Amino acid sequence: MKDLICFLFGHKYFVAQVLSPQSRRLCCRWCSKSFAMNDDARSLLPWDAEFHRLYESHGVEIKYLPFEFSKGNTHEN
């Protein structure tokens, strides 16, 4: 049902973590999915294990919120 709400009305984003001055990890309040946002590239992509590894390899400690691991929303490390 939550995915349907986001499909119909769009995601309701908030900043979950600032990763660098140009990039942030966003979450949706409705569906709990995470996204990677980059200002320089003007991009917003679904957060996945690739982004996790990329930022960790650059010394960024990724801090997930408890609800980010709810049913159907997993991040493989």
PDB file of N, CA and C in Angstrom:
ATOM      1  N   MET A   1       0.821  -1.193   0.000  1.00  0.00           N
ATOM      2  CA  MET A   1       0.000   0.000   0.000  1.00  0.00           C
ATOM      3  C   MET A   1       0.869   1.262   0.000  1.00  0.00           C
ATOM      4  N   LYS A   2       1.968   1.210   0.782  1.00  0.00           N
ATOM      5  CA  LYS A   2       2.847   2.374   0.851  1.00  0.00           C
ATOM      6  C   LYS A   2       3.468   2.680  -0.509  1.00  0.00           C
ATOM      7  N   ASP A   3       3.845   1.624  -1.242  1.00  0.00           N
ATOM      8  CA  ASP A   3       4.422   1.836  -2.571  1.00  0.00           C
ATOM      9  C   ASP A   3       3.419   2.489  -3.511  1.00  0.00           C
ATOM     10  N   LEU A   4       2.154   2.131  -3.360  1.00  0.00           N
ATOM     11  CA  LEU A   4       1.101   2.717  -4.189  1.00  0.00           C
ATOM     12  C   LEU A   4       0.952   4.204  -3.892  1.00  0.00           C
ATOM     13  N   ILE A   5       1.021   4.581  -2.631  1.00  0.00           N
ATOM     14  CA  ILE A   5       0.927   5.997  -2.257  1.00  0.00           C
ATOM     15  C   ILE A   5       2.064   6.777  -2.898  1.00  0.00           C
ATOM     16  N   CYS A   6       3.274   6.236  -2.830  1.00  0.00           N
ATOM     17  CA  CYS A   6       4.423   6.910  -3.442  1.00  0.00           C
ATOM     18  C   CYS A   6       4.297   6.953  -4.963  1.00  0.00           C
ATOM     19  N   PHE A   7       3.762   5.901  -5.545  1.00  0.00           N
ATOM     20  CA  PHE A   7       3.574   5.870  -6.996  1.00  0.00           C
ATOM     21  C   PHE A   7       2.586   6.956  -7.427  1.00  0.00           C
ATOM     22  N   LEU A   8       1.516   7.110  -6.686  1.00  0.00           N
ATOM     23  CA  LEU A   8       0.479   8.078  -7.045  1.00  0.00           C
ATOM     24  C   LEU A   8       0.850   9.520  -6.708  1.00  0.00           C
ATOM     25  N   PHE A   9       1.476   9.734  -5.558  1.00  0.00           N
ATOM     26  CA  PHE A   9       1.715  11.091  -5.075  1.00  0.00           C
ATOM     27  C   PHE A   9       3.182  11.489  -5.008  1.00  0.00           C
ATOM     28  N   GLY A  10       4.080  10.556  -5.233  1.00  0.00           N
ATOM     29  CA  GLY A  10       5.506  10.840  -5.151  1.00  0.00           C
ATOM     30  C   GLY A  10       6.029  10.607  -3.742  1.00  0.00           C
ATOM     31  N   HIS A  11       7.328  10.463  -3.641  1.00  0.00           N
ATOM     32  CA  HIS A  11       7.957  10.221  -2.347  1.00  0.00           C
ATOM     33  C   HIS A  11       7.948  11.487  -1.495  1.00  0.00           C
ATOM     34  N   LYS A  12       7.952  11.313  -0.196  1.00  0.00           N
ATOM     35  CA  LYS A  12       8.084  12.429   0.751  1.00  0.00           C
ATOM     36  C   LYS A  12       9.471  12.285   1.387  1.00  0.00           C
ATOM     37  N   TYR A  13      10.448  12.980   0.805  1.00  0.00           N
ATOM     38  CA  TYR A  13      11.848  12.831   1.176  1.00  0.00           C
ATOM     39  C   TYR A  13      12.215  13.616   2.431  1.00  0.00           C
ATOM     40  N   PHE A  14      13.205  13.078   3.149  1.00  0.00           N
ATOM     41  CA  PHE A  14      13.911  13.820   4.189  1.00  0.00           C
ATOM     42  C   PHE A  14      15.361  13.357   4.163  1.00  0.00           C
ATOM     43  N   VAL A  15      16.261  14.204   4.645  1.00  0.00           N
ATOM     44  CA  VAL A  15      17.684  13.883   4.656  1.00  0.00           C
ATOM     45  C   VAL A  15      17.965  12.942   5.823  1.00  0.00           C
ATOM     46  N   ALA A  16      18.434  11.745   5.509  1.00  0.00           N
ATOM     47  CA  ALA A  16      18.772  10.757   6.531  1.00  0.00           C
ATOM     48  C   ALA A  16      20.226  10.901   6.961  1.00  0.00           C
ATOM     49  N   GLN A  17      21.094  11.304   6.015  1.00  0.00           N
ATOM     50  CA  GLN A  17      22.512  11.451   6.342  1.00  0.00           C
ATOM     51  C   GLN A  17      23.190  12.312   5.287  1.00  0.00           C
ATOM     52  N   VAL A  18      24.002  13.245   5.740  1.00  0.00           N
ATOM     53  CA  VAL A  18      24.838  14.038   4.833  1.00  0.00           C
ATOM     54  C   VAL A  18      26.127  13.249   4.640  1.00  0.00           C
ATOM     55  N   LEU A  19      26.435  12.915   3.403  1.00  0.00           N
ATOM     56  CA  LEU A  19      27.601  12.083   3.094  1.00  0.00           C
ATOM     57  C   LEU A  19      28.822  12.915   2.716  1.00  0.00           C
ATOM     58  N   SER A  20      28.590  14.046   2.071  1.00  0.00           N
ATOM     59  CA  SER A  20      29.636  14.988   1.693  1.00  0.00           C
ATOM     60  C   SER A  20      28.946  16.319   1.428  1.00  0.00           C
ATOM     61  N   PRO A  21      29.703  17.383   1.175  1.00  0.00           N
ATOM     62  CA  PRO A  21      29.035  18.656   0.873  1.00  0.00           C
ATOM     63  C   PRO A  21      28.126  18.591  -0.368  1.00  0.00           C
ATOM     64  N   GLN A  22      28.392  17.645  -1.267  1.00  0.00           N
ATOM     65  CA  GLN A  22      27.589  17.541  -2.493  1.00  0.00           C
ATOM     66  C   GLN A  22      26.615  16.369  -2.506  1.00  0.00           C
ATOM     67  N   SER A  23      26.670  15.488  -1.534  1.00  0.00           N
ATOM     68  CA  SER A  23      25.815  14.296  -1.596  1.00  0.00           C
ATOM     69  C   SER A  23      25.171  13.978  -0.253  1.00  0.00           C
ATOM     70  N   ARG A  24      23.976  13.411  -0.360  1.00  0.00           N
ATOM     71  CA  ARG A  24      23.201  13.048   0.813  1.00  0.00           C
ATOM     72  C   ARG A  24      22.487  11.731   0.564  1.00  0.00           C
ATOM     73  N   ARG A  25      22.123  11.091   1.660  1.00  0.00           N
ATOM     74  CA  ARG A  25      21.267   9.913   1.591  1.00  0.00           C
ATOM     75  C   ARG A  25      19.897  10.354   2.069  1.00  0.00           C
ATOM     76  N   LEU A  26      18.900  10.165   1.198  1.00  0.00           N
ATOM     77  CA  LEU A  26      17.533  10.566   1.507  1.00  0.00           C
ATOM     78  C   LEU A  26      16.685   9.339   1.809  1.00  0.00           C
ATOM     79  N   CYS A  27      15.634   9.535   2.583  1.00  0.00           N
ATOM     80  CA  CYS A  27      14.651   8.481   2.845  1.00  0.00           C
ATOM     81  C   CYS A  27      13.269   9.040   2.563  1.00  0.00           C
ATOM     82  N   CYS A  28      12.363   8.148   2.278  1.00  0.00           N
ATOM     83  CA  CYS A  28      10.970   8.517   2.065  1.00  0.00           C
ATOM     84  C   CYS A  28      10.195   8.207   3.351  1.00  0.00           C
ATOM     85  N   ARG A  29       9.457   9.177   3.841  1.00  0.00           N
ATOM     86  CA  ARG A  29       8.660   8.990   5.057  1.00  0.00           C
ATOM     87  C   ARG A  29       7.544   7.982   4.861  1.00  0.00           C
ATOM     88  N   TRP A  30       7.076   7.819   3.639  1.00  0.00           N
ATOM     89  CA  TRP A  30       5.934   6.933   3.402  1.00  0.00           C
ATOM     90  C   TRP A  30       6.345   5.483   3.171  1.00  0.00           C
ATOM     91  N   CYS A  31       7.302   5.243   2.279  1.00  0.00           N
ATOM     92  CA  CYS A  31       7.641   3.858   1.922  1.00  0.00           C
ATOM     93  C   CYS A  31       8.935   3.364   2.576  1.00  0.00           C
ATOM     94  N   SER A  32       9.679   4.234   3.252  1.00  0.00           N
ATOM     95  CA  SER A  32      10.923   3.903   3.958  1.00  0.00           C
ATOM     96  C   SER A  32      12.083   3.513   3.044  1.00  0.00           C
ATOM     97  N   LYS A  33      11.972   3.769   1.760  1.00  0.00           N
ATOM     98  CA  LYS A  33      13.080   3.469   0.848  1.00  0.00           C
ATOM     99  C   LYS A  33      14.128   4.569   0.927  1.00  0.00           C
ATOM    100  N   SER A  34      15.377   4.207   0.632  1.00  0.00           N
ATOM    101  CA  SER A  34      16.503   5.141   0.684  1.00  0.00           C
ATOM    102  C   SER A  34      16.979   5.479  -0.723  1.00  0.00           C
ATOM    103  N   PHE A  35      17.546   6.690  -0.859  1.00  0.00           N
ATOM    104  CA  PHE A  35      18.014   7.169  -2.147  1.00  0.00           C
ATOM    105  C   PHE A  35      19.325   7.912  -1.968  1.00  0.00           C
ATOM    106  N   ALA A  36      20.186   7.850  -2.984  1.00  0.00           N
ATOM    107  CA  ALA A  36      21.426   8.608  -3.011  1.00  0.00           C
ATOM    108  C   ALA A  36      21.189   9.845  -3.867  1.00  0.00           C
ATOM    109  N   MET A  37      21.559  11.011  -3.329  1.00  0.00           N
ATOM    110  CA  MET A  37      21.361  12.268  -4.052  1.00  0.00           C
ATOM    111  C   MET A  37      22.707  12.959  -4.201  1.00  0.00           C
ATOM    112  N   ASN A  38      23.016  13.409  -5.424  1.00  0.00           N
ATOM    113  CA  ASN A  38      24.260  14.117  -5.693  1.00  0.00           C
ATOM    114  C   ASN A  38      23.937  15.429  -6.393  1.00  0.00           C
ATOM    115  N   ASP A  39      24.381  16.551  -5.806  1.00  0.00           N
ATOM    116  CA  ASP A  39      24.101  17.867  -6.372  1.00  0.00           C
ATOM    117  C   ASP A  39      24.866  18.120  -7.661  1.00  0.00           C
ATOM    118  N   ASP A  40      26.144  17.707  -7.705  1.00  0.00           N
ATOM    119  CA  ASP A  40      26.959  17.960  -8.896  1.00  0.00           C
ATOM    120  C   ASP A  40      26.388  17.264 -10.126  1.00  0.00           C
ATOM    121  N   ALA A  41      25.977  16.021  -9.975  1.00  0.00           N
ATOM    122  CA  ALA A  41      25.437  15.254 -11.100  1.00  0.00           C
ATOM    123  C   ALA A  41      23.936  15.471 -11.276  1.00  0.00           C
ATOM    124  N   ARG A  42      23.326  16.165 -10.324  1.00  0.00           N
ATOM    125  CA  ARG A  42      21.867  16.381 -10.325  1.00  0.00           C
ATOM    126  C   ARG A  42      21.134  15.050 -10.476  1.00  0.00           C
ATOM    127  N   SER A  43      21.498  14.128  -9.600  1.00  0.00           N
ATOM    128  CA  SER A  43      20.925  12.789  -9.695  1.00  0.00           C
ATOM    129  C   SER A  43      20.314  12.343  -8.375  1.00  0.00           C
ATOM    130  N   LEU A  44      19.328  11.481  -8.487  1.00  0.00           N
ATOM    131  CA  LEU A  44      18.676  10.844  -7.356  1.00  0.00           C
ATOM    132  C   LEU A  44      18.436   9.401  -7.764  1.00  0.00           C
ATOM    133  N   LEU A  45      19.148   8.474  -7.106  1.00  0.00           N
ATOM    134  CA  LEU A  45      19.078   7.061  -7.460  1.00  0.00           C
ATOM    135  C   LEU A  45      18.743   6.235  -6.224  1.00  0.00           C
ATOM    136  N   PRO A  46      18.117   5.079  -6.413  1.00  0.00           N
ATOM    137  CA  PRO A  46      17.849   4.209  -5.267  1.00  0.00           C
ATOM    138  C   PRO A  46      19.154   3.810  -4.571  1.00  0.00           C
ATOM    139  N   TRP A  47      19.165   3.884  -3.256  1.00  0.00           N
ATOM    140  CA  TRP A  47      20.336   3.487  -2.464  1.00  0.00           C
ATOM    141  C   TRP A  47      20.464   1.978  -2.502  1.00  0.00           C
ATOM    142  N   ASP A  48      21.673   1.497  -2.723  1.00  0.00           N
ATOM    143  CA  ASP A  48      21.900   0.054  -2.747  1.00  0.00           C
ATOM    144  C   ASP A  48      23.276  -0.258  -2.153  1.00  0.00           C
ATOM    145  N   ALA A  49      23.645  -1.522  -2.202  1.00  0.00           N
ATOM    146  CA  ALA A  49      24.917  -1.962  -1.626  1.00  0.00           C
ATOM    147  C   ALA A  49      26.113  -1.307  -2.321  1.00  0.00           C
ATOM    148  N   GLU A  50      25.983  -0.995  -3.601  1.00  0.00           N
ATOM    149  CA  GLU A  50      27.078  -0.333  -4.331  1.00  0.00           C
ATOM    150  C   GLU A  50      27.375   1.040  -3.730  1.00  0.00           C
ATOM    151  N   PHE A  51      26.315   1.816  -3.463  1.00  0.00           N
ATOM    152  CA  PHE A  51      26.522   3.123  -2.843  1.00  0.00           C
ATOM    153  C   PHE A  51      27.110   2.967  -1.443  1.00  0.00           C
ATOM    154  N   HIS A  52      26.630   1.989  -0.708  1.00  0.00           N
ATOM    155  CA  HIS A  52      27.145   1.747   0.642  1.00  0.00           C
ATOM    156  C   HIS A  52      28.652   1.495   0.588  1.00  0.00           C
ATOM    157  N   ARG A  53      29.071   0.597  -0.279  1.00  0.00           N
ATOM    158  CA  ARG A  53      30.502   0.274  -0.404  1.00  0.00           C
ATOM    159  C   ARG A  53      31.312   1.479  -0.893  1.00  0.00           C
ATOM    160  N   LEU A  54      30.762   2.223  -1.840  1.00  0.00           N
ATOM    161  CA  LEU A  54      31.461   3.391  -2.378  1.00  0.00           C
ATOM    162  C   LEU A  54      31.766   4.404  -1.280  1.00  0.00           C
ATOM    163  N   TYR A  55      30.765   4.781  -0.512  1.00  0.00           N
ATOM    164  CA  TYR A  55      30.975   5.789   0.517  1.00  0.00           C
ATOM    165  C   TYR A  55      31.816   5.255   1.667  1.00  0.00           C
ATOM    166  N   GLU A  56      31.634   3.993   2.028  1.00  0.00           N
ATOM    167  CA  GLU A  56      32.469   3.403   3.079  1.00  0.00           C
ATOM    168  C   GLU A  56      33.934   3.368   2.662  1.00  0.00           C
ATOM    169  N   SER A  57      34.199   3.088   1.388  1.00  0.00           N
ATOM    170  CA  SER A  57      35.584   3.038   0.912  1.00  0.00           C
ATOM    171  C   SER A  57      36.241   4.420   0.942  1.00  0.00           C
ATOM    172  N   HIS A  58      35.417   5.476   1.008  1.00  0.00           N
ATOM    173  CA  HIS A  58      35.940   6.840   1.110  1.00  0.00           C
ATOM    174  C   HIS A  58      35.905   7.346   2.551  1.00  0.00           C
ATOM    175  N   GLY A  59      35.736   6.431   3.492  1.00  0.00           N
ATOM    176  CA  GLY A  59      35.818   6.780   4.901  1.00  0.00           C
ATOM    177  C   GLY A  59      34.553   7.319   5.540  1.00  0.00           C
ATOM    178  N   VAL A  60      33.420   7.203   4.861  1.00  0.00           N
ATOM    179  CA  VAL A  60      32.157   7.676   5.422  1.00  0.00           C
ATOM    180  C   VAL A  60      31.486   6.529   6.174  1.00  0.00           C
ATOM    181  N   GLU A  61      31.136   6.766   7.435  1.00  0.00           N
ATOM    182  CA  GLU A  61      30.422   5.754   8.209  1.00  0.00           C
ATOM    183  C   GLU A  61      28.926   5.897   7.911  1.00  0.00           C
ATOM    184  N   ILE A  62      28.346   4.871   7.333  1.00  0.00           N
ATOM    185  CA  ILE A  62      26.928   4.904   6.974  1.00  0.00           C
ATOM    186  C   ILE A  62      26.115   4.537   8.208  1.00  0.00           C
ATOM    187  N   LYS A  63      25.187   5.413   8.568  1.00  0.00           N
ATOM    188  CA  LYS A  63      24.342   5.201   9.748  1.00  0.00           C
ATOM    189  C   LYS A  63      22.895   5.068   9.285  1.00  0.00           C
ATOM    190  N   TYR A  64      22.379   3.853   9.358  1.00  0.00           N
ATOM    191  CA  TYR A  64      21.015   3.598   8.929  1.00  0.00           C
ATOM    192  C   TYR A  64      20.027   3.868  10.056  1.00  0.00           C
ATOM    193  N   LEU A  65      18.837   4.268   9.690  1.00  0.00           N
ATOM    194  CA  LEU A  65      17.750   4.441  10.644  1.00  0.00           C
ATOM    195  C   LEU A  65      17.053   3.100  10.834  1.00  0.00           C
ATOM    196  N   PRO A  66      16.496   2.833  12.011  1.00  0.00           N
ATOM    197  CA  PRO A  66      15.885   1.517  12.271  1.00  0.00           C
ATOM    198  C   PRO A  66      14.828   1.098  11.249  1.00  0.00           C
ATOM    199  N   PHE A  67      14.002   2.024  10.784  1.00  0.00           N
ATOM    200  CA  PHE A  67      12.927   1.651   9.861  1.00  0.00           C
ATOM    201  C   PHE A  67      13.415   1.352   8.453  1.00  0.00           C
ATOM    202  N   GLU A  68      14.674   1.655   8.137  1.00  0.00           N
ATOM    203  CA  GLU A  68      15.187   1.393   6.788  1.00  0.00           C
ATOM    204  C   GLU A  68      15.316  -0.094   6.487  1.00  0.00           C
ATOM    205  N   PHE A  69      15.245  -0.926   7.490  1.00  0.00           N
ATOM    206  CA  PHE A  69      15.350  -2.362   7.286  1.00  0.00           C
ATOM    207  C   PHE A  69      14.000  -3.042   7.483  1.00  0.00           C
ATOM    208  N   SER A  70      12.931  -2.299   7.229  1.00  0.00           N
ATOM    209  CA  SER A  70      11.596  -2.876   7.336  1.00  0.00           C
ATOM    210  C   SER A  70      11.358  -3.839   6.189  1.00  0.00           C
ATOM    211  N   LYS A  71      10.281  -4.567   6.246  1.00  0.00           N
ATOM    212  CA  LYS A  71       9.945  -5.590   5.249  1.00  0.00           C
ATOM    213  C   LYS A  71      10.035  -5.017   3.835  1.00  0.00           C
ATOM    214  N   GLY A  72      10.758  -5.721   2.981  1.00  0.00           N
ATOM    215  CA  GLY A  72      10.841  -5.338   1.578  1.00  0.00           C
ATOM    216  C   GLY A  72      11.846  -4.236   1.284  1.00  0.00           C
ATOM    217  N   ASN A  73      12.571  -3.765   2.288  1.00  0.00           N
ATOM    218  CA  ASN A  73      13.539  -2.709   2.077  1.00  0.00           C
ATOM    219  C   ASN A  73      14.849  -3.102   2.729  1.00  0.00           C
ATOM    220  N   THR A  74      15.659  -3.867   2.022  1.00  0.00           N
ATOM    221  CA  THR A  74      16.909  -4.361   2.589  1.00  0.00           C
ATOM    222  C   THR A  74      18.091  -3.762   1.868  1.00  0.00           C
ATOM    223  N   HIS A  75      19.190  -3.633   2.591  1.00  0.00           N
ATOM    224  CA  HIS A  75      20.451  -3.143   2.035  1.00  0.00           C
ATOM    225  C   HIS A  75      21.475  -4.228   2.274  1.00  0.00           C
ATOM    226  N   GLU A  76      22.039  -4.744   1.211  1.00  0.00           N
ATOM    227  CA  GLU A  76      23.061  -5.783   1.346  1.00  0.00           C
ATOM    228  C   GLU A  76      24.410  -5.123   1.474  1.00  0.00           C
ATOM    229  N   ASN A  77      25.162  -5.502   2.481  1.00  0.00           N
ATOM    230  CA  ASN A  77      26.501  -4.924   2.691  1.00  0.00           C
ATOM    231  C   ASN A  77      27.568  -5.895   2.286  1.00  0.00           C
TER     232      ASN A  77
END
